[in-house]
């Protein structure tokens, strides 16, 4: 039994340094994501001012012939314009063109999922590693308490609290960033889907009139 206990103790303590390094990495990545979301807001989000009803009316009035020009000079994001223009430029029958539009929309959704993957992961893993960093030092701390070594006990408790705070702080900030981005990206996807449906409808109407 002593061999097993020593093995478990040594194994648990061996994970303390990797756990601290992971938490430090989470904090650095959190700082990076704060800067990234601020840049995204000031350089992209604030510039997106789309009057969707007006743009839809212009597309309907101009028809398929002017759709590409209207989309090109719109205030849409570059990714949105590329997806819509790709459908407009595709010389495909109706069913294949609709399938292309669905595939491009799914690609946009995957792109936005990748954009929130890091912050979503930190939001989930941060508390876990924080708890791990809390429990590991408590073993030596309890041993130090039994031996009357208050200095070692204080150091162990200090490290335990610090890792908990680091994990929770990184998780909370990344969770907030993910929620903000999710709201933005849902609006982008909804706008892209609406415009793709409008463009497809105008192309079908032009084909019927031809």
C-alpha atoms as a PDB file:
ATOM      1  CA  UNK A   1       0.000   0.000   0.000  1.00  0.00           C
ATOM      2  CA  UNK A   2       2.839   2.399   0.747  1.00  0.00           C
ATOM      3  CA  UNK A   3       4.211   1.906  -2.762  1.00  0.00           C
ATOM      4  CA  UNK A   4       0.809   2.676  -4.273  1.00  0.00           C
ATOM      5  CA  UNK A   5       0.348   5.764  -2.104  1.00  0.00           C
ATOM      6  CA  UNK A   6       3.819   7.020  -2.940  1.00  0.00           C
ATOM      7  CA  UNK A   7       3.173   6.422  -6.633  1.00  0.00           C
ATOM      8  CA  UNK A   8      -0.137   8.335  -6.543  1.00  0.00           C
ATOM      9  CA  UNK A   9       1.398  11.160  -4.528  1.00  0.00           C
ATOM     10  CA  UNK A  10       4.397  11.539  -6.823  1.00  0.00           C
ATOM     11  CA  UNK A  11       2.184  11.331  -9.912  1.00  0.00           C
ATOM     12  CA  UNK A  12      -0.131  14.027  -8.590  1.00  0.00           C
ATOM     13  CA  UNK A  13       2.722  16.334  -7.644  1.00  0.00           C
ATOM     14  CA  UNK A  14       4.349  15.816 -11.050  1.00  0.00           C
ATOM     15  CA  UNK A  15       1.318  17.459 -12.675  1.00  0.00           C
ATOM     16  CA  UNK A  16       1.654  20.653 -10.643  1.00  0.00           C
ATOM     17  CA  UNK A  17       4.202  22.355 -12.884  1.00  0.00           C
ATOM     18  CA  UNK A  18       2.415  21.427 -16.165  1.00  0.00           C
ATOM     19  CA  UNK A  19      -0.838  22.666 -14.625  1.00  0.00           C
ATOM     20  CA  UNK A  20       0.718  26.013 -13.714  1.00  0.00           C
ATOM     21  CA  UNK A  21       2.223  26.332 -17.190  1.00  0.00           C
ATOM     22  CA  UNK A  22      -1.156  25.605 -18.793  1.00  0.00           C
ATOM     23  CA  UNK A  23      -2.812  28.251 -16.616  1.00  0.00           C
ATOM     24  CA  UNK A  24      -0.134  30.769 -17.573  1.00  0.00           C
ATOM     25  CA  UNK A  25      -0.745  29.890 -21.222  1.00  0.00           C
ATOM     26  CA  UNK A  26      -4.486  30.379 -20.711  1.00  0.00           C
ATOM     27  CA  UNK A  27      -3.853  33.834 -19.231  1.00  0.00           C
ATOM     28  CA  UNK A  28      -1.594  34.817 -22.135  1.00  0.00           C
ATOM     29  CA  UNK A  29      -4.143  33.555 -24.661  1.00  0.00           C
ATOM     30  CA  UNK A  30      -6.868  35.437 -22.818  1.00  0.00           C
ATOM     31  CA  UNK A  31      -4.898  38.677 -23.134  1.00  0.00           C
ATOM     32  CA  UNK A  32      -4.417  37.904 -26.829  1.00  0.00           C
ATOM     33  CA  UNK A  33      -8.150  37.321 -27.289  1.00  0.00           C
ATOM     34  CA  UNK A  34      -8.989  40.577 -25.502  1.00  0.00           C
ATOM     35  CA  UNK A  35      -6.806  42.434 -27.987  1.00  0.00           C
ATOM     36  CA  UNK A  36      -8.230  40.406 -30.863  1.00  0.00           C
ATOM     37  CA  UNK A  37     -11.861  41.123 -30.021  1.00  0.00           C
ATOM     38  CA  UNK A  38     -11.115  44.837 -29.538  1.00  0.00           C
ATOM     39  CA  UNK A  39      -9.422  44.988 -32.945  1.00  0.00           C
ATOM     40  CA  UNK A  40     -12.327  43.085 -34.462  1.00  0.00           C
ATOM     41  CA  UNK A  41     -14.776  45.558 -32.956  1.00  0.00           C
ATOM     42  CA  UNK A  42     -13.003  48.751 -33.989  1.00  0.00           C
ATOM     43  CA  UNK A  43     -11.806  47.596 -37.421  1.00  0.00           C
ATOM     44  CA  UNK A  44     -14.726  45.438 -38.490  1.00  0.00           C
ATOM     45  CA  UNK A  45     -17.813  45.504 -36.318  1.00  0.00           C
ATOM     46  CA  UNK A  46     -18.130  49.289 -36.101  1.00  0.00           C
ATOM     47  CA  UNK A  47     -17.860  49.601 -39.887  1.00  0.00           C
ATOM     48  CA  UNK A  48     -20.720  47.211 -40.559  1.00  0.00           C
ATOM     49  CA  UNK A  49     -23.727  49.429 -40.999  1.00  0.00           C
ATOM     50  CA  UNK A  50     -26.098  47.562 -43.287  1.00  0.00           C
ATOM     51  CA  UNK A  51     -29.629  48.731 -43.945  1.00  0.00           C
ATOM     52  CA  UNK A  52     -30.893  45.261 -44.790  1.00  0.00           C
ATOM     53  CA  UNK A  53     -34.425  46.257 -45.919  1.00  0.00           C
ATOM     54  CA  UNK A  54     -32.972  48.937 -48.229  1.00  0.00           C
ATOM     55  CA  UNK A  55     -30.411  46.532 -49.680  1.00  0.00           C
ATOM     56  CA  UNK A  56     -33.079  43.889 -50.286  1.00  0.00           C
ATOM     57  CA  UNK A  57     -35.274  46.459 -52.039  1.00  0.00           C
ATOM     58  CA  UNK A  58     -32.365  47.485 -54.263  1.00  0.00           C
ATOM     59  CA  UNK A  59     -31.637  43.853 -55.126  1.00  0.00           C
ATOM     60  CA  UNK A  60     -35.276  43.248 -55.982  1.00  0.00           C
ATOM     61  CA  UNK A  61     -35.500  46.413 -58.078  1.00  0.00           C
ATOM     62  CA  UNK A  62     -32.221  45.815 -59.889  1.00  0.00           C
ATOM     63  CA  UNK A  63     -32.765  42.124 -60.467  1.00  0.00           C
ATOM     64  CA  UNK A  64     -30.070  39.560 -61.136  1.00  0.00           C
ATOM     65  CA  UNK A  65     -28.346  41.840 -63.657  1.00  0.00           C
ATOM     66  CA  UNK A  66     -27.356  44.444 -61.060  1.00  0.00           C
ATOM     67  CA  UNK A  67     -27.052  42.157 -58.047  1.00  0.00           C
ATOM     68  CA  UNK A  68     -23.276  41.720 -58.292  1.00  0.00           C
ATOM     69  CA  UNK A  69     -22.674  45.474 -58.487  1.00  0.00           C
ATOM     70  CA  UNK A  70     -24.979  46.164 -55.532  1.00  0.00           C
ATOM     71  CA  UNK A  71     -23.295  43.517 -53.404  1.00  0.00           C
ATOM     72  CA  UNK A  72     -19.815  44.714 -54.394  1.00  0.00           C
ATOM     73  CA  UNK A  73     -20.398  48.280 -53.209  1.00  0.00           C
ATOM     74  CA  UNK A  74     -22.429  47.334 -50.136  1.00  0.00           C
ATOM     75  CA  UNK A  75     -21.192  47.636 -46.545  1.00  0.00           C
ATOM     76  CA  UNK A  76     -21.073  43.876 -46.111  1.00  0.00           C
ATOM     77  CA  UNK A  77     -18.032  42.147 -44.676  1.00  0.00           C
ATOM     78  CA  UNK A  78     -15.521  40.911 -47.274  1.00  0.00           C
ATOM     79  CA  UNK A  79     -16.358  37.301 -46.386  1.00  0.00           C
ATOM     80  CA  UNK A  80     -20.049  37.926 -46.940  1.00  0.00           C
ATOM     81  CA  UNK A  81     -19.438  39.624 -50.279  1.00  0.00           C
ATOM     82  CA  UNK A  82     -17.205  36.789 -51.501  1.00  0.00           C
ATOM     83  CA  UNK A  83     -19.808  34.150 -50.642  1.00  0.00           C
ATOM     84  CA  UNK A  84     -22.658  35.997 -52.353  1.00  0.00           C
ATOM     85  CA  UNK A  85     -20.601  36.945 -55.392  1.00  0.00           C
ATOM     86  CA  UNK A  86     -19.494  33.317 -55.759  1.00  0.00           C
ATOM     87  CA  UNK A  87     -23.144  32.297 -56.095  1.00  0.00           C
ATOM     88  CA  UNK A  88     -23.835  35.117 -58.540  1.00  0.00           C
ATOM     89  CA  UNK A  89     -20.847  34.167 -60.686  1.00  0.00           C
ATOM     90  CA  UNK A  90     -21.651  30.449 -60.722  1.00  0.00           C
ATOM     91  CA  UNK A  91     -23.114  29.390 -64.051  1.00  0.00           C
ATOM     92  CA  UNK A  92     -25.068  26.462 -62.656  1.00  0.00           C
ATOM     93  CA  UNK A  93     -28.640  25.181 -62.885  1.00  0.00           C
ATOM     94  CA  UNK A  94     -31.031  26.147 -60.107  1.00  0.00           C
ATOM     95  CA  UNK A  95     -30.620  23.078 -57.883  1.00  0.00           C
ATOM     96  CA  UNK A  96     -26.819  23.081 -58.104  1.00  0.00           C
ATOM     97  CA  UNK A  97     -26.702  26.827 -57.438  1.00  0.00           C
ATOM     98  CA  UNK A  98     -28.844  26.363 -54.332  1.00  0.00           C
ATOM     99  CA  UNK A  99     -26.542  23.560 -53.163  1.00  0.00           C
ATOM    100  CA  UNK A 100     -23.536  25.845 -53.692  1.00  0.00           C
ATOM    101  CA  UNK A 101     -25.197  28.573 -51.620  1.00  0.00           C
ATOM    102  CA  UNK A 102     -25.874  26.090 -48.809  1.00  0.00           C
ATOM    103  CA  UNK A 103     -22.282  24.869 -48.917  1.00  0.00           C
ATOM    104  CA  UNK A 104     -20.892  28.411 -48.768  1.00  0.00           C
ATOM    105  CA  UNK A 105     -23.172  29.248 -45.867  1.00  0.00           C
ATOM    106  CA  UNK A 106     -22.026  26.127 -44.028  1.00  0.00           C
ATOM    107  CA  UNK A 107     -18.404  27.127 -44.687  1.00  0.00           C
ATOM    108  CA  UNK A 108     -19.087  30.534 -43.128  1.00  0.00           C
ATOM    109  CA  UNK A 109     -20.596  28.846 -40.090  1.00  0.00           C
ATOM    110  CA  UNK A 110     -17.544  26.593 -39.716  1.00  0.00           C
ATOM    111  CA  UNK A 111     -15.282  29.659 -39.986  1.00  0.00           C
ATOM    112  CA  UNK A 112     -17.094  31.396 -37.144  1.00  0.00           C
ATOM    113  CA  UNK A 113     -17.069  28.203 -35.068  1.00  0.00           C
ATOM    114  CA  UNK A 114     -13.284  28.087 -35.440  1.00  0.00           C
ATOM    115  CA  UNK A 115     -13.081  31.733 -34.385  1.00  0.00           C
ATOM    116  CA  UNK A 116     -14.749  30.958 -31.044  1.00  0.00           C
ATOM    117  CA  UNK A 117     -13.117  27.549 -30.499  1.00  0.00           C
ATOM    118  CA  UNK A 118     -10.185  28.888 -28.466  1.00  0.00           C
ATOM    119  CA  UNK A 119     -12.218  31.049 -26.101  1.00  0.00           C
ATOM    120  CA  UNK A 120     -14.859  28.331 -25.735  1.00  0.00           C
ATOM    121  CA  UNK A 121     -12.128  25.826 -24.824  1.00  0.00           C
ATOM    122  CA  UNK A 122     -10.519  28.116 -22.244  1.00  0.00           C
ATOM    123  CA  UNK A 123     -13.936  28.880 -20.750  1.00  0.00           C
ATOM    124  CA  UNK A 124     -14.474  25.140 -20.207  1.00  0.00           C
ATOM    125  CA  UNK A 125     -10.939  24.048 -19.301  1.00  0.00           C
ATOM    126  CA  UNK A 126      -9.896  27.044 -17.186  1.00  0.00           C
ATOM    127  CA  UNK A 127     -11.898  26.080 -14.078  1.00  0.00           C
ATOM    128  CA  UNK A 128     -10.765  22.453 -14.423  1.00  0.00           C
ATOM    129  CA  UNK A 129      -7.076  23.334 -14.420  1.00  0.00           C
ATOM    130  CA  UNK A 130      -7.723  25.921 -11.705  1.00  0.00           C
ATOM    131  CA  UNK A 131      -9.264  23.230  -9.519  1.00  0.00           C
ATOM    132  CA  UNK A 132      -6.416  20.864 -10.350  1.00  0.00           C
ATOM    133  CA  UNK A 133      -3.909  23.530  -9.368  1.00  0.00           C
ATOM    134  CA  UNK A 134      -5.842  24.017  -6.140  1.00  0.00           C
ATOM    135  CA  UNK A 135      -5.960  20.382  -5.062  1.00  0.00           C
ATOM    136  CA  UNK A 136      -2.402  19.353  -5.891  1.00  0.00           C
ATOM    137  CA  UNK A 137      -0.658  21.736  -3.427  1.00  0.00           C
ATOM    138  CA  UNK A 138      -3.118  20.875  -0.664  1.00  0.00           C
ATOM    139  CA  UNK A 139      -1.463  17.467  -0.157  1.00  0.00           C
ATOM    140  CA  UNK A 140       1.915  18.893   0.869  1.00  0.00           C
ATOM    141  CA  UNK A 141       0.064  21.642   2.742  1.00  0.00           C
ATOM    142  CA  UNK A 142      -1.810  19.150   4.888  1.00  0.00           C
ATOM    143  CA  UNK A 143       1.434  17.265   5.556  1.00  0.00           C
ATOM    144  CA  UNK A 144       3.088  20.539   6.547  1.00  0.00           C
ATOM    145  CA  UNK A 145       0.158  21.306   8.864  1.00  0.00           C
ATOM    146  CA  UNK A 146       0.626  17.970  10.577  1.00  0.00           C
ATOM    147  CA  UNK A 147       4.313  18.729  11.075  1.00  0.00           C
ATOM    148  CA  UNK A 148       3.615  22.239  12.355  1.00  0.00           C
ATOM    149  CA  UNK A 149       5.355  23.877   9.395  1.00  0.00           C
ATOM    150  CA  UNK A 150       3.161  26.925   8.929  1.00  0.00           C
ATOM    151  CA  UNK A 151       5.486  28.467   6.339  1.00  0.00           C
ATOM    152  CA  UNK A 152       5.106  25.521   3.969  1.00  0.00           C
ATOM    153  CA  UNK A 153       1.367  25.440   4.675  1.00  0.00           C
ATOM    154  CA  UNK A 154       1.003  29.138   3.798  1.00  0.00           C
ATOM    155  CA  UNK A 155       2.992  28.656   0.575  1.00  0.00           C
ATOM    156  CA  UNK A 156       0.809  25.699  -0.451  1.00  0.00           C
ATOM    157  CA  UNK A 157      -2.426  27.538   0.298  1.00  0.00           C
ATOM    158  CA  UNK A 158      -1.189  30.643  -1.510  1.00  0.00           C
ATOM    159  CA  UNK A 159      -0.381  28.628  -4.623  1.00  0.00           C
ATOM    160  CA  UNK A 160      -3.742  26.848  -4.418  1.00  0.00           C
ATOM    161  CA  UNK A 161      -5.666  30.125  -4.299  1.00  0.00           C
ATOM    162  CA  UNK A 162      -3.570  31.695  -7.056  1.00  0.00           C
ATOM    163  CA  UNK A 163      -4.219  28.843  -9.483  1.00  0.00           C
ATOM    164  CA  UNK A 164      -7.938  28.944  -8.728  1.00  0.00           C
ATOM    165  CA  UNK A 165      -8.086  32.660  -9.434  1.00  0.00           C
ATOM    166  CA  UNK A 166      -6.075  32.282 -12.648  1.00  0.00           C
ATOM    167  CA  UNK A 167      -8.327  29.531 -13.984  1.00  0.00           C
ATOM    168  CA  UNK A 168     -11.572  31.292 -13.107  1.00  0.00           C
ATOM    169  CA  UNK A 169     -10.386  34.657 -14.413  1.00  0.00           C
ATOM    170  CA  UNK A 170      -9.314  33.250 -17.778  1.00  0.00           C
ATOM    171  CA  UNK A 171     -12.535  31.240 -18.061  1.00  0.00           C
ATOM    172  CA  UNK A 172     -14.790  34.189 -17.201  1.00  0.00           C
ATOM    173  CA  UNK A 173     -13.159  36.570 -19.671  1.00  0.00           C
ATOM    174  CA  UNK A 174     -13.107  33.985 -22.473  1.00  0.00           C
ATOM    175  CA  UNK A 175     -16.731  33.082 -21.820  1.00  0.00           C
ATOM    176  CA  UNK A 176     -17.677  36.758 -22.178  1.00  0.00           C
ATOM    177  CA  UNK A 177     -15.664  37.093 -25.398  1.00  0.00           C
ATOM    178  CA  UNK A 178     -17.313  33.974 -26.841  1.00  0.00           C
ATOM    179  CA  UNK A 179     -20.803  35.294 -26.039  1.00  0.00           C
ATOM    180  CA  UNK A 180     -20.031  38.659 -27.657  1.00  0.00           C
ATOM    181  CA  UNK A 181     -18.612  37.034 -30.781  1.00  0.00           C
ATOM    182  CA  UNK A 182     -21.468  34.541 -30.968  1.00  0.00           C
ATOM    183  CA  UNK A 183     -23.955  37.412 -31.063  1.00  0.00           C
ATOM    184  CA  UNK A 184     -21.988  39.126 -33.818  1.00  0.00           C
ATOM    185  CA  UNK A 185     -21.524  35.980 -35.884  1.00  0.00           C
ATOM    186  CA  UNK A 186     -25.162  34.950 -35.651  1.00  0.00           C
ATOM    187  CA  UNK A 187     -26.105  38.351 -37.087  1.00  0.00           C
ATOM    188  CA  UNK A 188     -23.524  37.961 -39.894  1.00  0.00           C
ATOM    189  CA  UNK A 189     -24.804  34.488 -40.766  1.00  0.00           C
ATOM    190  CA  UNK A 190     -28.424  35.597 -40.713  1.00  0.00           C
ATOM    191  CA  UNK A 191     -27.647  38.511 -43.031  1.00  0.00           C
ATOM    192  CA  UNK A 192     -25.669  36.274 -45.389  1.00  0.00           C
ATOM    193  CA  UNK A 193     -28.450  33.678 -45.497  1.00  0.00           C
ATOM    194  CA  UNK A 194     -31.097  36.331 -46.185  1.00  0.00           C
ATOM    195  CA  UNK A 195     -29.093  37.863 -49.021  1.00  0.00           C
ATOM    196  CA  UNK A 196     -28.291  34.473 -50.544  1.00  0.00           C
ATOM    197  CA  UNK A 197     -31.981  33.604 -50.581  1.00  0.00           C
ATOM    198  CA  UNK A 198     -32.770  36.953 -52.199  1.00  0.00           C
ATOM    199  CA  UNK A 199     -30.073  36.490 -54.841  1.00  0.00           C
ATOM    200  CA  UNK A 200     -31.218  32.954 -55.626  1.00  0.00           C
ATOM    201  CA  UNK A 201     -34.795  34.147 -55.963  1.00  0.00           C
ATOM    202  CA  UNK A 202     -33.783  36.935 -58.358  1.00  0.00           C
ATOM    203  CA  UNK A 203     -31.758  34.492 -60.440  1.00  0.00           C
ATOM    204  CA  UNK A 204     -34.673  32.081 -60.623  1.00  0.00           C
ATOM    205  CA  UNK A 205     -36.982  34.927 -61.688  1.00  0.00           C
ATOM    206  CA  UNK A 206     -34.505  35.993 -64.400  1.00  0.00           C
ATOM    207  CA  UNK A 207     -34.278  32.425 -65.720  1.00  0.00           C
ATOM    208  CA  UNK A 208     -38.073  32.135 -65.869  1.00  0.00           C
ATOM    209  CA  UNK A 209     -38.346  35.371 -67.841  1.00  0.00           C
ATOM    210  CA  UNK A 210     -35.607  34.372 -70.287  1.00  0.00           C
END
